[in-house]
N, C-alpha and C. Protein backbone atom coordinates (compact mmCIF):
# COMPACT_ATOMS: atom_id res chain seq x y z
N MET A 1 137.09 77.13 25.23
CA MET A 1 137.10 76.84 24.07
C MET A 1 138.73 76.42 23.13
N THR A 2 139.06 76.80 22.04
CA THR A 2 140.56 75.89 21.93
C THR A 2 141.49 76.74 21.55
N ASP A 3 142.50 76.94 21.20
CA ASP A 3 143.19 77.99 20.79
C ASP A 3 143.20 78.21 19.27
N SER A 4 142.26 76.82 18.21
CA SER A 4 142.38 77.98 17.11
C SER A 4 141.38 78.53 16.78
N ILE A 5 140.63 79.05 17.82
CA ILE A 5 139.46 79.71 17.78
C ILE A 5 139.42 80.97 18.65
N ARG A 6 139.86 81.08 19.77
CA ARG A 6 140.60 81.88 20.52
C ARG A 6 141.45 82.87 19.88
N PRO A 7 141.87 84.45 19.77
CA PRO A 7 142.03 85.34 19.38
C PRO A 7 143.09 85.28 20.15
N ASN A 8 144.72 85.62 18.70
CA ASN A 8 146.10 85.31 19.82
C ASN A 8 146.11 87.10 20.71
N THR A 9 147.10 86.93 21.32
CA THR A 9 146.53 88.41 22.98
C THR A 9 146.96 89.35 21.83
N LYS A 10 147.64 89.40 20.56
CA LYS A 10 148.37 90.86 19.79
C LYS A 10 146.52 91.54 19.33
N ASP A 11 145.19 90.71 18.84
CA ASP A 11 144.38 90.17 18.24
C ASP A 11 143.86 90.82 20.11
N ALA A 12 144.04 90.71 20.54
CA ALA A 12 142.79 90.43 21.26
C ALA A 12 143.04 92.38 22.39
N ILE A 13 144.17 91.74 22.43
CA ILE A 13 144.94 93.65 23.01
C ILE A 13 144.69 94.64 22.12
N VAL A 14 144.39 95.01 20.96
CA VAL A 14 143.97 95.20 19.42
C VAL A 14 141.95 95.23 20.21
N GLU A 15 141.52 94.85 19.93
CA GLU A 15 140.11 95.03 19.84
C GLU A 15 139.74 95.30 21.28
N ALA A 16 140.04 94.72 22.22
CA ALA A 16 140.28 95.45 23.54
C ALA A 16 140.03 97.43 23.33
N ALA A 17 141.12 97.66 23.03
CA ALA A 17 141.50 98.66 23.09
C ALA A 17 140.48 99.43 21.49
N PHE A 18 140.49 99.29 20.52
CA PHE A 18 139.54 99.95 20.53
C PHE A 18 137.96 99.31 20.45
N ASP A 19 137.52 99.42 21.87
CA ASP A 19 136.42 98.34 23.21
C ASP A 19 136.21 100.11 23.79
N VAL A 20 137.45 99.54 24.58
CA VAL A 20 137.93 100.89 25.52
C VAL A 20 138.13 101.60 25.30
N LEU A 21 139.05 101.96 24.08
CA LEU A 21 139.86 103.31 23.73
C LEU A 21 138.17 104.08 23.00
N ARG A 22 137.04 103.83 22.21
CA ARG A 22 135.78 103.86 22.10
C ARG A 22 134.84 104.41 22.95
N GLN A 23 135.16 104.23 24.12
CA GLN A 23 133.56 104.32 25.15
C GLN A 23 134.47 106.07 25.32
N ASP A 24 135.07 105.44 26.20
CA ASP A 24 136.66 106.36 26.74
C ASP A 24 137.75 106.61 26.15
N PRO A 25 138.24 107.47 25.26
CA PRO A 25 139.29 107.86 24.75
C PRO A 25 140.71 107.91 25.46
N SER A 26 140.58 108.86 27.17
CA SER A 26 141.23 109.09 27.21
C SER A 26 141.50 107.59 29.04
N ALA A 27 140.85 106.68 28.03
CA ALA A 27 141.23 105.76 28.99
C ALA A 27 143.03 105.13 29.58
N PRO A 28 143.48 104.28 31.05
CA PRO A 28 144.17 104.21 30.56
C PRO A 28 144.58 103.06 30.58
N LEU A 29 146.01 102.46 29.58
CA LEU A 29 145.97 100.97 29.08
C LEU A 29 145.85 99.86 30.12
N SER A 30 145.75 100.16 31.65
CA SER A 30 145.53 99.05 32.84
C SER A 30 144.16 98.07 31.80
N ALA A 31 143.19 99.54 31.33
CA ALA A 31 142.07 99.51 31.43
C ALA A 31 141.93 98.36 29.59
N VAL A 32 143.11 99.68 28.54
CA VAL A 32 143.06 97.77 27.99
C VAL A 32 143.65 96.50 29.23
N ALA A 33 144.59 96.90 29.11
CA ALA A 33 145.38 95.10 29.90
C ALA A 33 144.17 94.37 29.89
N ASP A 34 143.46 95.02 30.88
CA ASP A 34 142.09 94.30 32.11
C ASP A 34 140.95 93.65 30.99
N ARG A 35 140.51 94.81 29.83
CA ARG A 35 139.66 93.90 28.84
C ARG A 35 140.17 92.81 28.16
N ALA A 36 141.21 92.73 28.52
CA ALA A 36 141.69 92.06 27.08
C ALA A 36 142.32 90.63 28.00
N GLY A 37 142.40 90.30 29.48
CA GLY A 37 142.20 89.49 29.81
C GLY A 37 144.20 89.12 30.07
N VAL A 38 144.84 90.27 30.22
CA VAL A 38 146.49 90.39 30.70
C VAL A 38 146.42 91.03 31.19
N GLY A 39 148.23 91.40 31.84
CA GLY A 39 148.82 91.90 32.53
C GLY A 39 149.44 93.13 31.26
N ARG A 40 149.23 94.31 32.73
CA ARG A 40 150.20 95.33 31.77
C ARG A 40 151.38 94.98 30.94
N ALA A 41 152.47 93.88 31.90
CA ALA A 41 153.90 93.74 30.61
C ALA A 41 153.54 92.85 29.67
N THR A 42 152.45 93.00 29.52
CA THR A 42 152.22 91.67 28.47
C THR A 42 151.35 92.71 27.14
N LEU A 43 150.88 93.20 27.88
CA LEU A 43 150.64 94.59 26.43
C LEU A 43 151.53 95.55 26.47
N HIS A 44 152.84 95.78 26.80
CA HIS A 44 153.70 96.41 26.89
C HIS A 44 154.85 95.35 26.32
N ARG A 45 154.59 94.27 25.44
CA ARG A 45 155.05 93.25 25.29
C ARG A 45 154.90 93.80 23.58
N TYR A 46 153.78 94.00 23.77
CA TYR A 46 153.35 93.69 21.86
C TYR A 46 153.34 95.17 21.64
N PHE A 47 153.15 96.37 22.74
CA PHE A 47 152.72 97.43 22.60
C PHE A 47 154.32 98.28 23.78
N ALA A 48 154.44 99.47 23.02
CA ALA A 48 155.97 99.48 23.99
C ALA A 48 155.27 100.92 24.71
N SER A 49 154.20 101.24 24.26
CA SER A 49 153.56 102.83 24.71
C SER A 49 152.40 102.94 23.87
N ARG A 50 151.32 104.00 24.71
CA ARG A 50 150.10 104.28 24.17
C ARG A 50 150.23 104.61 22.76
N GLU A 51 151.30 105.33 23.11
CA GLU A 51 151.84 106.27 20.99
C GLU A 51 152.02 104.50 20.59
N ALA A 52 152.08 103.66 20.25
CA ALA A 52 152.93 102.95 19.53
C ALA A 52 151.25 101.69 19.20
N LEU A 53 150.56 101.65 20.26
CA LEU A 53 148.77 101.29 20.46
C LEU A 53 148.11 101.99 19.65
N ILE A 54 148.16 103.02 19.62
CA ILE A 54 147.58 103.97 19.12
C ILE A 54 147.30 103.99 17.40
N HIS A 55 149.37 103.94 17.08
CA HIS A 55 148.99 103.87 15.78
C HIS A 55 148.86 102.66 15.05
N ALA A 56 149.11 101.75 15.78
CA ALA A 56 148.95 100.63 15.36
C ALA A 56 147.22 100.49 14.72
N LEU A 57 146.51 101.14 15.98
CA LEU A 57 145.03 101.26 15.72
C LEU A 57 144.79 102.11 14.64
N ALA A 58 145.76 102.99 14.50
CA ALA A 58 145.34 104.08 13.63
C ALA A 58 145.69 102.85 11.72
N LEU A 59 146.38 102.43 11.90
CA LEU A 59 146.66 101.50 10.29
C LEU A 59 145.44 100.37 10.02
N ILE A 60 144.70 99.97 11.30
CA ILE A 60 144.07 98.49 11.19
C ILE A 60 142.73 99.62 11.00
N ALA A 61 142.53 100.85 11.28
CA ALA A 61 141.52 101.91 11.19
C ALA A 61 141.29 102.28 9.46
N ILE A 62 143.05 102.39 8.92
CA ILE A 62 142.98 102.57 8.36
C ILE A 62 142.73 101.41 6.63
N GLU A 63 142.98 100.65 7.10
CA GLU A 63 143.07 98.61 6.95
C GLU A 63 141.62 99.07 6.82
N GLU A 64 140.29 98.83 7.42
CA GLU A 64 138.91 98.72 7.25
C GLU A 64 138.38 100.17 7.15
N MET A 65 139.39 100.84 6.85
CA MET A 65 137.80 101.62 6.41
C MET A 65 137.87 101.51 4.66
N ASP A 66 139.46 101.36 4.01
CA ASP A 66 140.13 101.32 2.51
C ASP A 66 138.86 99.90 2.54
N ALA A 67 139.26 98.61 3.09
CA ALA A 67 137.75 97.28 2.45
C ALA A 67 136.76 98.26 2.68
N ALA A 68 136.10 98.68 3.29
CA ALA A 68 135.44 98.89 3.62
C ALA A 68 134.61 99.94 2.03
N ALA A 69 135.00 100.65 2.18
CA ALA A 69 135.13 101.80 0.85
C ALA A 69 134.98 100.51 -0.56
N GLU A 70 136.43 99.96 -0.25
CA GLU A 70 136.10 99.02 -1.52
C GLU A 70 134.59 97.91 -1.80
N ALA A 71 134.38 97.80 -0.32
CA ALA A 71 133.80 96.57 -1.42
C ALA A 71 132.05 97.34 -1.53
N ALA A 72 132.21 98.71 -0.72
CA ALA A 72 130.60 99.85 -1.39
C ALA A 72 131.04 99.98 -2.26
N CYS A 73 131.76 99.75 -3.00
CA CYS A 73 132.12 101.37 -4.74
C CYS A 73 132.47 99.42 -5.60
N ALA A 74 132.51 98.73 -5.22
CA ALA A 74 133.32 97.59 -5.58
C ALA A 74 131.88 97.67 -7.06
N ASP A 75 130.63 97.25 -7.08
CA ASP A 75 130.10 96.95 -7.84
C ASP A 75 128.67 98.10 -8.25
N ALA A 76 129.27 99.46 -7.73
CA ALA A 76 128.47 100.46 -8.17
C ALA A 76 128.65 100.97 -9.12
N PRO A 77 127.06 101.63 -9.86
CA PRO A 77 127.38 101.37 -11.40
C PRO A 77 127.08 103.28 -12.03
N SER A 78 127.35 103.70 -10.83
CA SER A 78 127.86 104.91 -11.24
C SER A 78 128.38 105.98 -9.82
N TYR A 79 129.95 107.17 -10.43
CA TYR A 79 130.24 107.94 -8.96
C TYR A 79 129.21 107.89 -7.86
N ALA A 80 127.59 108.74 -8.49
CA ALA A 80 127.09 108.92 -7.53
C ALA A 80 126.83 107.25 -6.62
N GLU A 81 126.21 106.40 -7.07
CA GLU A 81 125.98 105.11 -6.19
C GLU A 81 128.09 104.88 -5.20
N ALA A 82 128.00 105.03 -6.01
CA ALA A 82 129.65 104.81 -5.31
C ALA A 82 130.04 105.54 -4.19
N PHE A 83 129.91 106.83 -4.46
CA PHE A 83 129.41 107.49 -2.87
C PHE A 83 128.82 107.13 -2.33
N ARG A 84 127.49 107.13 -2.43
CA ARG A 84 126.00 106.97 -0.98
C ARG A 84 126.52 105.99 -1.59
N ASN A 85 127.13 104.90 -1.52
CA ASN A 85 127.73 103.22 -0.71
C ASN A 85 128.88 103.46 0.67
N MET A 86 129.78 104.43 -0.13
CA MET A 86 131.18 104.64 0.56
C MET A 86 130.22 105.45 2.08
N LEU A 87 129.26 106.29 1.40
CA LEU A 87 129.29 106.62 2.64
C LEU A 87 128.45 106.05 3.96
N ALA A 88 127.40 104.57 3.28
CA ALA A 88 126.40 104.17 3.96
C ALA A 88 127.88 102.90 4.29
N ALA A 89 128.58 102.29 3.89
CA ALA A 89 130.14 101.38 4.72
C ALA A 89 131.03 102.34 5.91
N LEU A 90 130.71 104.16 4.89
CA LEU A 90 131.94 104.12 6.46
C LEU A 90 131.41 104.26 7.35
N ILE A 91 130.16 105.20 7.59
CA ILE A 91 129.65 105.66 8.95
C ILE A 91 129.38 104.29 10.30
N PRO A 92 128.89 102.85 9.95
CA PRO A 92 129.53 102.55 11.01
C PRO A 92 130.75 102.17 11.46
N LEU A 93 131.22 102.80 11.51
CA LEU A 93 133.40 102.69 11.23
C LEU A 93 133.48 103.41 12.19
N GLY A 94 132.54 104.77 12.73
CA GLY A 94 132.54 105.81 13.54
C GLY A 94 132.35 104.83 14.72
N ASP A 95 131.71 103.93 14.96
CA ASP A 95 131.34 103.66 16.00
C ASP A 95 132.99 102.93 16.73
N ARG A 96 133.35 102.07 15.73
CA ARG A 96 134.45 101.50 15.96
C ARG A 96 136.10 102.27 16.28
N HIS A 97 136.05 103.21 15.70
CA HIS A 97 137.68 103.52 15.84
C HIS A 97 137.62 105.26 15.16
N GLY A 98 135.85 105.80 15.50
CA GLY A 98 136.48 107.60 15.50
C GLY A 98 137.34 108.44 16.88
N PHE A 99 137.56 107.71 17.78
CA PHE A 99 138.15 108.88 18.25
C PHE A 99 139.30 108.52 18.00
N LEU A 100 139.68 107.86 16.73
CA LEU A 100 141.29 108.11 16.94
C LEU A 100 141.29 110.07 15.99
N ALA A 101 140.28 110.18 15.09
CA ALA A 101 140.13 111.62 14.93
C ALA A 101 140.60 112.88 15.85
N THR A 102 140.50 112.35 17.08
CA THR A 102 140.80 113.13 17.84
C THR A 102 143.01 112.58 18.83
N GLU A 103 143.27 111.63 17.70
CA GLU A 103 144.72 111.94 18.38
C GLU A 103 144.85 111.79 17.65
N PRO A 104 146.79 112.61 17.72
CA PRO A 104 147.52 113.40 16.97
C PRO A 104 148.70 112.33 16.39
N VAL A 105 147.83 111.42 15.10
CA VAL A 105 148.50 110.50 14.50
C VAL A 105 149.32 111.04 13.08
N GLU A 106 149.03 111.98 12.85
CA GLU A 106 149.32 112.30 11.18
C GLU A 106 150.65 112.95 11.74
N SER A 107 151.18 112.81 12.60
CA SER A 107 152.77 113.31 12.85
C SER A 107 153.39 112.20 12.29
N ASP A 108 152.82 110.92 12.94
CA ASP A 108 153.87 109.59 12.51
C ASP A 108 153.93 109.71 10.96
N PRO A 109 154.97 109.28 10.06
CA PRO A 109 155.12 109.45 8.68
C PRO A 109 154.20 108.03 8.15
N ALA A 110 154.29 107.67 8.73
CA ALA A 110 153.56 106.32 7.88
C ALA A 110 152.23 106.53 7.61
N ILE A 111 152.06 107.14 9.12
CA ILE A 111 150.11 107.22 8.60
C ILE A 111 149.80 108.46 7.88
N ALA A 112 150.93 109.70 8.60
CA ALA A 112 150.62 110.22 7.26
C ALA A 112 150.60 110.11 5.50
N ALA A 113 152.16 109.38 5.31
CA ALA A 113 151.16 108.84 3.74
C ALA A 113 150.04 108.44 3.66
N GLU A 114 149.46 107.05 4.84
CA GLU A 114 147.99 106.03 4.13
C GLU A 114 147.23 107.71 3.18
N PHE A 115 146.93 108.64 5.10
CA PHE A 115 146.32 109.26 4.76
C PHE A 115 146.62 110.24 3.69
N GLU A 116 148.16 110.72 3.06
CA GLU A 116 147.82 110.89 1.78
C GLU A 116 147.11 109.95 0.91
N ARG A 117 147.96 108.87 0.64
CA ARG A 117 147.14 107.99 -0.21
C ARG A 117 145.40 108.37 -0.22
N GLN A 118 144.83 108.13 1.18
CA GLN A 118 143.00 107.92 0.73
C GLN A 118 142.53 109.57 0.33
N THR A 119 144.08 110.40 0.53
CA THR A 119 143.05 111.57 0.05
C THR A 119 142.96 111.65 -1.24
N ASN A 120 144.46 111.38 -2.04
CA ASN A 120 144.78 111.41 -3.63
C ASN A 120 143.87 110.38 -3.95
N GLU A 121 143.06 109.47 -3.54
CA GLU A 121 142.46 108.09 -4.32
C GLU A 121 140.98 109.05 -4.26
N THR A 122 140.44 110.33 -2.73
CA THR A 122 139.33 110.48 -3.07
C THR A 122 138.87 111.26 -3.82
N ARG A 123 140.06 112.54 -4.07
CA ARG A 123 140.27 113.46 -4.84
C ARG A 123 140.35 112.82 -6.88
N GLU A 124 141.28 112.02 -6.81
CA GLU A 124 140.74 111.32 -8.13
C GLU A 124 138.73 110.39 -8.32
N MET A 125 139.02 110.07 -7.37
CA MET A 125 136.88 109.17 -7.44
C MET A 125 136.08 110.91 -7.77
N ILE A 126 136.56 111.82 -6.73
CA ILE A 126 136.10 112.82 -7.34
C ILE A 126 136.14 114.37 -8.26
N ASP A 127 137.62 113.63 -9.76
CA ASP A 127 137.24 114.43 -10.23
C ASP A 127 136.42 113.37 -11.07
N ALA A 128 136.35 112.32 -11.12
CA ALA A 128 135.72 111.14 -12.11
C ALA A 128 134.55 111.75 -12.36
N ALA A 129 133.87 111.95 -11.55
CA ALA A 129 132.16 111.77 -10.68
C ALA A 129 132.33 113.68 -11.76
N LYS A 130 132.73 114.70 -11.71
CA LYS A 130 132.75 115.51 -11.27
C LYS A 130 132.65 115.47 -13.09
N GLN A 131 133.21 114.58 -13.95
CA GLN A 131 133.22 113.91 -15.65
C GLN A 131 131.99 113.71 -15.84
N ASP A 132 131.21 112.82 -14.49
CA ASP A 132 129.85 112.42 -14.95
C ASP A 132 128.94 113.28 -14.36
N GLY A 133 129.41 114.58 -14.02
CA GLY A 133 128.27 115.36 -13.98
C GLY A 133 127.51 115.02 -12.04
N LEU A 134 128.28 114.98 -10.98
CA LEU A 134 127.87 114.61 -10.06
C LEU A 134 127.87 115.67 -9.68
N PHE A 135 129.41 116.26 -9.10
CA PHE A 135 129.92 117.12 -9.00
C PHE A 135 130.03 118.30 -9.74
N ASP A 136 129.54 120.27 -9.27
CA ASP A 136 129.65 121.05 -10.32
C ASP A 136 130.58 121.01 -9.85
N PRO A 137 131.90 121.17 -11.94
CA PRO A 137 133.72 121.11 -11.65
C PRO A 137 134.04 122.98 -11.31
N ALA A 138 132.74 123.98 -11.20
CA ALA A 138 133.89 125.16 -10.78
C ALA A 138 133.96 124.93 -9.24
N VAL A 139 133.62 123.89 -8.55
CA VAL A 139 133.76 123.47 -7.38
C VAL A 139 135.29 122.85 -6.74
N PRO A 140 135.75 123.59 -6.00
CA PRO A 140 137.17 122.80 -6.28
C PRO A 140 137.53 121.76 -5.68
N THR A 141 138.02 120.59 -6.10
CA THR A 141 138.40 119.20 -6.04
C THR A 141 138.29 119.12 -4.43
N ASP A 142 139.70 120.22 -4.10
CA ASP A 142 139.54 119.92 -2.87
C ASP A 142 138.79 120.09 -2.04
N TRP A 143 138.08 121.29 -1.69
CA TRP A 143 137.03 121.79 -1.26
C TRP A 143 136.07 120.38 -0.84
N ILE A 144 135.62 119.83 -2.12
CA ILE A 144 134.48 118.44 -1.37
C ILE A 144 135.54 117.43 -1.27
N VAL A 145 136.43 117.87 -0.88
CA VAL A 145 137.62 116.32 -0.47
C VAL A 145 137.08 116.74 0.81
N GLN A 146 137.33 118.35 1.54
CA GLN A 146 137.30 117.96 2.92
C GLN A 146 135.89 118.48 3.13
N ALA A 147 134.92 118.33 2.75
CA ALA A 147 133.11 118.28 2.59
C ALA A 147 133.14 117.10 2.96
N PHE A 148 133.19 116.09 2.78
CA PHE A 148 133.34 114.48 2.31
C PHE A 148 133.78 114.06 3.67
N ASP A 149 134.68 114.74 3.77
CA ASP A 149 135.69 114.33 5.40
C ASP A 149 134.79 114.63 6.69
N HIS A 150 134.83 115.81 6.33
CA HIS A 150 133.53 117.16 7.93
C HIS A 150 132.17 115.83 7.62
N LEU A 151 131.76 115.86 7.05
CA LEU A 151 130.44 115.07 6.65
C LEU A 151 130.60 113.67 7.30
N LEU A 152 131.10 113.08 7.08
CA LEU A 152 131.57 111.62 7.93
C LEU A 152 131.52 111.65 9.34
N TYR A 153 132.48 113.13 9.80
CA TYR A 153 132.51 112.52 11.29
C TYR A 153 131.93 113.56 11.24
N ALA A 154 130.56 114.35 11.25
CA ALA A 154 129.68 114.91 11.22
C ALA A 154 128.46 113.75 11.95
N ALA A 155 128.40 112.70 10.57
CA ALA A 155 127.75 111.51 10.79
C ALA A 155 128.16 110.59 12.27
N TRP A 156 129.70 110.57 11.92
CA TRP A 156 130.27 109.58 13.25
C TRP A 156 129.24 109.87 14.32
N GLU A 157 129.44 111.54 14.79
CA GLU A 157 129.23 112.19 16.33
C GLU A 157 127.72 111.71 16.00
N SER A 158 127.26 112.36 14.53
CA SER A 158 125.77 112.30 15.57
C SER A 158 125.41 111.19 15.72
N VAL A 159 125.88 110.14 15.02
CA VAL A 159 124.65 108.76 14.95
C VAL A 159 125.45 107.89 17.46
N LYS A 160 126.34 108.60 17.16
CA LYS A 160 127.14 108.41 18.34
C LYS A 160 126.54 108.91 20.12
N ALA A 161 126.50 110.36 19.48
CA ALA A 161 125.24 110.87 20.70
C ALA A 161 124.13 110.19 20.46
N GLY A 162 123.35 109.43 19.92
CA GLY A 162 122.68 109.01 19.54
C GLY A 162 120.94 109.74 18.95
N GLU A 163 121.35 110.45 17.73
CA GLU A 163 120.23 111.29 17.57
C GLU A 163 120.20 111.17 15.78
N ILE A 164 120.90 110.05 15.49
CA ILE A 164 119.97 109.71 14.34
C ILE A 164 120.91 108.07 14.33
N THR A 165 120.51 107.03 13.37
CA THR A 165 121.15 105.85 13.13
C THR A 165 122.18 105.98 11.95
N HIS A 166 122.75 105.37 11.39
CA HIS A 166 123.51 104.88 10.63
C HIS A 166 123.36 105.24 9.31
N GLN A 167 121.92 104.17 8.32
CA GLN A 167 121.34 104.71 7.86
C GLN A 167 121.14 105.99 7.91
N GLN A 168 119.50 106.48 8.29
CA GLN A 168 119.81 108.46 8.44
C GLN A 168 120.83 109.09 8.64
N ALA A 169 122.18 108.89 9.10
CA ALA A 169 123.81 109.95 8.63
C ALA A 169 123.94 109.97 7.47
N ALA A 170 123.89 108.60 7.45
CA ALA A 170 123.89 108.21 6.02
C ALA A 170 123.17 108.57 4.10
N ASP A 171 122.26 108.37 5.14
CA ASP A 171 121.18 109.48 3.95
C ASP A 171 121.22 110.98 4.12
N LEU A 172 121.76 111.66 4.90
CA LEU A 172 121.58 112.38 5.68
C LEU A 172 123.08 113.55 4.55
N ALA A 173 124.02 112.99 5.28
CA ALA A 173 125.47 112.86 4.92
C ALA A 173 125.21 112.88 2.74
N TRP A 174 124.37 112.14 2.29
CA TRP A 174 124.32 111.86 0.79
C TRP A 174 123.68 113.36 1.12
N ARG A 175 122.75 113.52 1.05
CA ARG A 175 121.69 114.60 1.01
C ARG A 175 122.37 116.23 0.47
N THR A 176 123.30 116.14 1.95
CA THR A 176 123.80 117.39 2.02
C THR A 176 125.13 117.50 1.18
N LEU A 177 126.31 116.83 0.52
CA LEU A 177 127.03 116.30 -0.63
C LEU A 177 126.72 116.36 -1.76
N GLU A 178 125.25 115.59 -2.30
CA GLU A 178 124.55 115.63 -3.94
C GLU A 178 124.16 117.41 -3.92
N SER A 179 123.42 117.67 -2.65
CA SER A 179 122.72 119.20 -3.04
C SER A 179 123.53 120.57 -3.14
N GLY A 180 124.44 120.52 -1.77
CA GLY A 180 125.38 121.21 -1.57
C GLY A 180 126.19 121.25 -2.36
N LEU A 181 126.64 119.91 -3.23
CA LEU A 181 128.22 120.34 -3.89
C LEU A 181 127.95 119.84 -6.01
N GLY A 182 126.48 119.37 -5.29
CA GLY A 182 126.16 118.74 -6.97
C GLY A 182 125.30 119.50 -8.18
N THR A 183 125.06 118.92 -9.63
CA THR A 183 125.03 119.93 -10.34
C THR A 183 123.82 119.87 -10.97
N GLY A 184 122.79 119.51 -9.81
CA GLY A 184 121.55 118.87 -9.61
C GLY A 184 121.21 118.86 -10.78
N SER A 185 122.32 117.73 -11.57
CA SER A 185 121.87 116.74 -13.27
C SER A 185 121.45 115.59 -12.46
N GLN A 186 121.71 115.11 -11.64
CA GLN A 186 122.00 113.42 -11.14
C GLN A 186 120.60 113.50 -10.77
């Protein structure tokens, strides 16, 4: 393998961390180092602690979710299609970084700011979808935001447990969101 194809050490550690921690969120950093093919000292040169590694993984997960959501919504002809496409795009990411939902990352100011930005973007999208008749205007926007987040997590967990496929999870989450919070006019 040539150096131009081989990922750099930091990228190898990040990918190994996603893989190892996805399978066992309590795995030690030594397991991450082993999977990355580096020693623990090398891992610690890039990430001084488990918290630093989790912080980096959380920021990468946020970027990946943002990119998936943007791509899914880009050509959607309506808010209904945008939300449906977004669910279908975000659910498979649970396989990669769903474990982060149980990490105490919100105490980090940078991550908290990113979560708040994402929540605000979701609020704006929901408010616009209410104007289009997708969601019942009588249902508080923050309730819909919470419902969306919890449906996404439920989908991740159901797929992880092998109960349903990604597509089935997306269909069920959409059905629940639209039927439970919609106006019935879509």
